[in-house]
C-alpha atoms as a PDB file:
ATOM      1  CA  MET A   1      65.614 141.965  77.540  1.00  0.00           C
ATOM      2  CA  ASP A   2      63.488 145.103  77.228  1.00  0.00           C
ATOM      3  CA  ALA A   3      64.586 148.105  75.139  1.00  0.00           C
ATOM      4  CA  PHE A   4      65.620 150.266  78.091  1.00  0.00           C
ATOM      5  CA  SER A   5      67.816 147.525  79.569  1.00  0.00           C
ATOM      6  CA  TYR A   6      69.579 147.180  76.237  1.00  0.00           C
ATOM      7  CA  LEU A   7      69.938 150.903  75.523  1.00  0.00           C
ATOM      8  CA  SER A   8      70.923 151.847  79.068  1.00  0.00           C
ATOM      9  CA  VAL A   9      74.127 149.792  78.962  1.00  0.00           C
ATOM     10  CA  LEU A  10      75.867 152.501  76.949  1.00  0.00           C
ATOM     11  CA  LEU A  11      74.488 155.212  79.257  1.00  0.00           C
ATOM     12  CA  TRP A  12      75.933 153.453  82.304  1.00  0.00           C
ATOM     13  CA  ILE A  13      79.297 152.896  80.601  1.00  0.00           C
ATOM     14  CA  VAL A  14      79.670 156.605  79.800  1.00  0.00           C
ATOM     15  CA  LEU A  15      78.590 157.632  83.314  1.00  0.00           C
ATOM     16  CA  GLY A  16      80.973 155.031  84.741  1.00  0.00           C
ATOM     17  CA  LEU A  17      83.782 156.600  82.721  1.00  0.00           C
ATOM     18  CA  ALA A  18      82.931 160.020  84.198  1.00  0.00           C
ATOM     19  CA  ILE A  19      83.063 158.625  87.732  1.00  0.00           C
ATOM     20  CA  THR A  20      86.307 156.792  86.922  1.00  0.00           C
ATOM     21  CA  GLN A  21      87.801 160.032  85.596  1.00  0.00           C
ATOM     22  CA  LEU A  22      86.921 161.871  88.818  1.00  0.00           C
ATOM     23  CA  LEU A  23      88.047 159.151  91.232  1.00  0.00           C
ATOM     24  CA  GLY A  24      91.233 158.434  89.279  1.00  0.00           C
ATOM     25  CA  GLY A  25      91.990 162.161  89.192  1.00  0.00           C
ATOM     26  CA  LEU A  26      91.453 162.475  92.926  1.00  0.00           C
ATOM     27  CA  ALA A  27      93.730 159.515  93.585  1.00  0.00           C
ATOM     28  CA  ALA A  28      96.404 161.020  91.310  1.00  0.00           C
ATOM     29  CA  LEU A  29      96.196 164.344  93.182  1.00  0.00           C
ATOM     30  CA  VAL A  30      96.561 162.577  96.520  1.00  0.00           C
ATOM     31  CA  ARG A  31      99.556 160.547  95.302  1.00  0.00           C
ATOM     32  CA  ALA A  32     101.220 163.704  93.921  1.00  0.00           C
ATOM     33  CA  ARG A  33     100.246 165.887  96.912  1.00  0.00           C
ATOM     34  CA  GLY A  34     103.846 166.934  97.543  1.00  0.00           C
ATOM     35  CA  ARG A  35     104.041 168.377  94.026  1.00  0.00           C
ATOM     36  CA  VAL A  36     100.537 169.882  93.878  1.00  0.00           C
ATOM     37  CA  LYS A  37     100.034 173.603  94.274  1.00  0.00           C
ATOM     38  CA  MET A  38      96.462 173.457  95.581  1.00  0.00           C
ATOM     39  CA  TYR A  39      93.589 175.534  94.267  1.00  0.00           C
ATOM     40  CA  TRP A  40      90.619 174.395  96.333  1.00  0.00           C
ATOM     41  CA  PRO A  41      87.847 175.158  93.783  1.00  0.00           C
ATOM     42  CA  VAL A  42      89.140 172.202  91.725  1.00  0.00           C
ATOM     43  CA  PRO A  43      88.360 169.416  94.233  1.00  0.00           C
ATOM     44  CA  VAL A  44      85.093 171.167  95.176  1.00  0.00           C
ATOM     45  CA  GLN A  45      84.015 171.233  91.536  1.00  0.00           C
ATOM     46  CA  MET A  46      85.157 167.620  91.154  1.00  0.00           C
ATOM     47  CA  ALA A  47      82.859 166.746  94.080  1.00  0.00           C
ATOM     48  CA  ALA A  48      80.005 168.657  92.417  1.00  0.00           C
ATOM     49  CA  VAL A  49      80.488 166.747  89.154  1.00  0.00           C
ATOM     50  CA  PHE A  50      80.596 163.476  91.098  1.00  0.00           C
ATOM     51  CA  LEU A  51      77.262 164.437  92.660  1.00  0.00           C
ATOM     52  CA  ILE A  52      75.858 165.320  89.224  1.00  0.00           C
ATOM     53  CA  SER A  53      76.993 161.932  87.908  1.00  0.00           C
ATOM     54  CA  LEU A  54      75.226 160.111  90.726  1.00  0.00           C
ATOM     55  CA  GLN A  55      72.065 162.214  90.320  1.00  0.00           C
ATOM     56  CA  LEU A  56      71.945 161.519  86.597  1.00  0.00           C
ATOM     57  CA  TRP A  57      72.405 157.782  87.170  1.00  0.00           C
ATOM     58  CA  TRP A  58      69.564 157.951  89.701  1.00  0.00           C
ATOM     59  CA  ALA A  59      67.261 160.062  87.509  1.00  0.00           C
ATOM     60  CA  LEU A  60      67.724 158.028  84.333  1.00  0.00           C
ATOM     61  CA  PHE A  61      66.037 155.092  86.032  1.00  0.00           C
ATOM     62  CA  SER A  62      62.728 156.866  85.333  1.00  0.00           C
ATOM     63  CA  LEU A  63      63.216 155.995  81.663  1.00  0.00           C
ATOM     64  CA  ASN A  64      62.710 152.286  82.361  1.00  0.00           C
ATOM     65  CA  GLU A  65      58.982 152.830  81.720  1.00  0.00           C
ATOM     66  CA  THR A  66      59.651 154.203  78.228  1.00  0.00           C
ATOM     67  CA  ARG A  67      58.579 151.641  75.648  1.00  0.00           C
ATOM     68  CA  ASN A  68      58.714 153.393  72.272  1.00  0.00           C
ATOM     69  CA  TRP A  69      62.304 154.382  71.722  1.00  0.00           C
ATOM     70  CA  THR A  70      63.462 156.277  68.656  1.00  0.00           C
ATOM     71  CA  PHE A  71      67.042 156.901  67.669  1.00  0.00           C
ATOM     72  CA  ALA A  72      66.550 160.636  68.336  1.00  0.00           C
ATOM     73  CA  ALA A  73      65.280 159.916  71.859  1.00  0.00           C
ATOM     74  CA  PHE A  74      68.191 157.571  72.548  1.00  0.00           C
ATOM     75  CA  LEU A  75      70.700 160.075  71.161  1.00  0.00           C
ATOM     76  CA  ILE A  76      69.431 162.949  73.310  1.00  0.00           C
ATOM     77  CA  VAL A  77      69.417 160.727  76.406  1.00  0.00           C
ATOM     78  CA  LEU A  78      72.962 159.534  75.603  1.00  0.00           C
ATOM     79  CA  LEU A  79      74.129 163.136  75.271  1.00  0.00           C
ATOM     80  CA  GLN A  80      73.426 163.702  78.987  1.00  0.00           C
ATOM     81  CA  PRO A  81      76.086 161.235  80.204  1.00  0.00           C
ATOM     82  CA  VAL A  82      78.402 162.451  77.439  1.00  0.00           C
ATOM     83  CA  THR A  83      78.204 166.053  78.685  1.00  0.00           C
ATOM     84  CA  VAL A  84      78.721 164.885  82.282  1.00  0.00           C
ATOM     85  CA  TYR A  85      81.780 162.906  81.167  1.00  0.00           C
ATOM     86  CA  LEU A  86      83.116 166.058  79.499  1.00  0.00           C
ATOM     87  CA  MET A  87      82.562 168.008  82.731  1.00  0.00           C
ATOM     88  CA  ALA A  88      84.576 165.365  84.578  1.00  0.00           C
ATOM     89  CA  ALA A  89      87.325 165.358  81.943  1.00  0.00           C
ATOM     90  CA  PHE A  90      87.676 169.150  81.916  1.00  0.00           C
ATOM     91  CA  ILE A  91      87.668 169.641  85.716  1.00  0.00           C
ATOM     92  CA  THR A  92      89.999 166.729  86.523  1.00  0.00           C
ATOM     93  CA  PRO A  93      93.580 167.904  86.071  1.00  0.00           C
ATOM     94  CA  ASP A  94      96.209 165.797  84.365  1.00  0.00           C
ATOM     95  CA  VAL A  95      98.913 164.871  86.840  1.00  0.00           C
ATOM     96  CA  PRO A  96     102.218 164.136  85.098  1.00  0.00           C
ATOM     97  CA  PRO A  97     104.622 161.693  86.754  1.00  0.00           C
ATOM     98  CA  GLU A  98     107.100 164.484  87.555  1.00  0.00           C
ATOM     99  CA  GLY A  99     107.121 168.228  88.138  1.00  0.00           C
ATOM    100  CA  GLU A 100     104.886 170.653  89.991  1.00  0.00           C
ATOM    101  CA  VAL A 101     101.146 170.626  89.326  1.00  0.00           C
ATOM    102  CA  ASP A 102      99.584 174.090  89.574  1.00  0.00           C
ATOM    103  CA  LEU A 103      95.841 173.457  89.955  1.00  0.00           C
ATOM    104  CA  ARG A 104      94.932 177.126  89.532  1.00  0.00           C
ATOM    105  CA  GLU A 105      96.731 177.362  86.208  1.00  0.00           C
ATOM    106  CA  ARG A 106      95.198 174.092  84.976  1.00  0.00           C
ATOM    107  CA  TYR A 107      91.732 175.120  86.196  1.00  0.00           C
ATOM    108  CA  PHE A 108      91.753 178.427  84.327  1.00  0.00           C
ATOM    109  CA  ARG A 109      93.177 176.779  81.206  1.00  0.00           C
ATOM    110  CA  GLU A 110      90.070 174.536  81.036  1.00  0.00           C
ATOM    111  CA  THR A 111      87.491 176.780  82.711  1.00  0.00           C
ATOM    112  CA  ARG A 112      85.578 177.765  79.565  1.00  0.00           C
ATOM    113  CA  TRP A 113      85.405 174.149  78.392  1.00  0.00           C
ATOM    114  CA  PHE A 114      84.257 173.017  81.834  1.00  0.00           C
ATOM    115  CA  PHE A 115      81.515 175.605  82.219  1.00  0.00           C
ATOM    116  CA  GLY A 116      80.588 175.275  78.546  1.00  0.00           C
ATOM    117  CA  SER A 117      79.998 171.554  79.090  1.00  0.00           C
ATOM    118  CA  ILE A 118      77.711 172.415  82.020  1.00  0.00           C
ATOM    119  CA  VAL A 119      75.680 174.745  79.792  1.00  0.00           C
ATOM    120  CA  ALA A 120      75.562 172.015  77.129  1.00  0.00           C
ATOM    121  CA  ALA A 121      74.336 169.508  79.743  1.00  0.00           C
ATOM    122  CA  LEU A 122      71.544 171.893  80.731  1.00  0.00           C
ATOM    123  CA  VAL A 123      70.463 172.402  77.125  1.00  0.00           C
ATOM    124  CA  VAL A 124      70.499 168.628  76.547  1.00  0.00           C
ATOM    125  CA  SER A 125      68.476 168.078  79.718  1.00  0.00           C
ATOM    126  CA  LEU A 126      65.770 170.464  78.544  1.00  0.00           C
ATOM    127  CA  ALA A 127      65.836 168.973  75.047  1.00  0.00           C
ATOM    128  CA  LYS A 128      65.431 165.495  76.565  1.00  0.00           C
ATOM    129  CA  SER A 129      62.255 166.616  78.320  1.00  0.00           C
ATOM    130  CA  LEU A 130      60.889 168.027  75.093  1.00  0.00           C
ATOM    131  CA  VAL A 131      61.813 164.982  72.996  1.00  0.00           C
ATOM    132  CA  LEU A 132      60.619 162.344  75.467  1.00  0.00           C
ATOM    133  CA  TRP A 133      57.627 164.037  77.084  1.00  0.00           C
ATOM    134  CA  GLY A 134      56.801 166.936  74.795  1.00  0.00           C
ATOM    135  CA  ALA A 135      57.086 169.488  77.602  1.00  0.00           C
ATOM    136  CA  LEU A 136      59.620 171.307  79.723  1.00  0.00           C
ATOM    137  CA  PRO A 137      60.240 170.050  83.277  1.00  0.00           C
ATOM    138  CA  ASN A 138      58.147 171.241  86.232  1.00  0.00           C
ATOM    139  CA  SER A 139      58.738 174.717  87.659  1.00  0.00           C
ATOM    140  CA  ILE A 140      61.109 173.600  90.458  1.00  0.00           C
ATOM    141  CA  ASP A 141      63.221 171.617  87.995  1.00  0.00           C
ATOM    142  CA  LEU A 142      63.193 174.526  85.543  1.00  0.00           C
ATOM    143  CA  ALA A 143      64.243 176.944  88.303  1.00  0.00           C
ATOM    144  CA  GLY A 144      67.153 174.625  89.100  1.00  0.00           C
ATOM    145  CA  HIS A 145      68.197 174.619  85.452  1.00  0.00           C
ATOM    146  CA  ALA A 146      68.061 178.430  85.410  1.00  0.00           C
ATOM    147  CA  ALA A 147      70.161 178.713  88.588  1.00  0.00           C
ATOM    148  CA  PHE A 148      72.738 176.260  87.212  1.00  0.00           C
ATOM    149  CA  ALA A 149      72.859 178.187  83.931  1.00  0.00           C
ATOM    150  CA  ILE A 150      73.478 181.509  85.697  1.00  0.00           C
ATOM    151  CA  VAL A 151      76.317 180.019  87.741  1.00  0.00           C
ATOM    152  CA  ALA A 152      77.799 178.247  84.710  1.00  0.00           C
ATOM    153  CA  LEU A 153      77.675 181.393  82.581  1.00  0.00           C
ATOM    154  CA  ALA A 154      79.323 183.389  85.374  1.00  0.00           C
ATOM    155  CA  GLY A 155      82.067 180.768  85.477  1.00  0.00           C
ATOM    156  CA  PHE A 156      82.373 180.753  81.704  1.00  0.00           C
ATOM    157  CA  PHE A 157      82.814 184.510  81.387  1.00  0.00           C
ATOM    158  CA  SER A 158      84.717 185.367  84.576  1.00  0.00           C
ATOM    159  CA  ARG A 159      88.468 185.008  84.926  1.00  0.00           C
ATOM    160  CA  SER A 160      88.383 186.254  88.525  1.00  0.00           C
ATOM    161  CA  SER A 161      89.678 183.809  91.104  1.00  0.00           C
ATOM    162  CA  THR A 162      87.357 185.379  93.678  1.00  0.00           C
ATOM    163  CA  VAL A 163      84.316 184.678  91.493  1.00  0.00           C
ATOM    164  CA  HIS A 164      85.407 181.064  91.011  1.00  0.00           C
ATOM    165  CA  LYS A 165      85.966 180.684  94.755  1.00  0.00           C
ATOM    166  CA  VAL A 166      82.314 181.684  95.226  1.00  0.00           C
ATOM    167  CA  ILE A 167      81.043 179.551  92.329  1.00  0.00           C
ATOM    168  CA  ALA A 168      82.616 176.277  93.526  1.00  0.00           C
ATOM    169  CA  PRO A 169      80.848 175.949  96.912  1.00  0.00           C
ATOM    170  CA  LEU A 170      77.722 177.584  95.480  1.00  0.00           C
ATOM    171  CA  SER A 171      77.594 174.899  92.776  1.00  0.00           C
ATOM    172  CA  LEU A 172      77.870 172.140  95.355  1.00  0.00           C
ATOM    173  CA  LEU A 173      75.145 173.763  97.468  1.00  0.00           C
ATOM    174  CA  LEU A 174      72.834 174.261  94.472  1.00  0.00           C
ATOM    175  CA  TYR A 175      73.251 170.663  93.245  1.00  0.00           C
ATOM    176  CA  SER A 176      72.675 169.307  96.749  1.00  0.00           C
ATOM    177  CA  THR A 177      69.521 171.400  97.158  1.00  0.00           C
ATOM    178  CA  TYR A 178      68.276 170.390  93.707  1.00  0.00           C
ATOM    179  CA  ILE A 179      68.710 166.702  94.540  1.00  0.00           C
ATOM    180  CA  ALA A 180      67.057 167.124  97.944  1.00  0.00           C
ATOM    181  CA  LEU A 181      64.030 168.803  96.364  1.00  0.00           C
ATOM    182  CA  LEU A 182      63.554 166.553  93.334  1.00  0.00           C
ATOM    183  CA  PHE A 183      65.378 163.244  93.670  1.00  0.00           C
ATOM    184  CA  VAL A 184      65.120 161.954  97.225  1.00  0.00           C
ATOM    185  CA  SER A 185      63.341 158.779  96.129  1.00  0.00           C
ATOM    186  CA  LEU A 186      63.944 156.727  93.007  1.00  0.00           C
ATOM    187  CA  PRO A 187      61.940 158.260  90.139  1.00  0.00           C
ATOM    188  CA  ARG A 188      59.142 156.312  88.479  1.00  0.00           C
END
């Protein structure tokens, strides 16, 4: 077994937990639909985090060529799935077995943690490039990071429902465009 195959097991477990969190949360919302006071930015952001999880899984394959692993390199790479898991955990509402579930109230209770985890993921992503390759990503990738950071910071600081209703579909559009531009084929 090569080093990447061994080290990647933990990466895939953490990403799998993020996807499980999102899918389990969606299923819980559907089962409790009669008790859920809907706030549509929540499922849109859940879809965006699902897309981020899949993109990260896809992109991390490029590390299979890395031969000289250090603990620092492994730690920074592991922090990417960890931050994505935190995104999933903060955006997915808890659905108790009884009582009304107000998605707007739950969303705004966790909004700073959710958007903070996005900013953390962006910082980790840039740090990963520096640690593994000694350089920042290419200009298109860097522009994507900047756009995501602007949206995440707007979400972090704003308590306006209108702003968050713009941010949710914009996030999904930005992530989709980012993937279409940079990750259409499996990275080498």
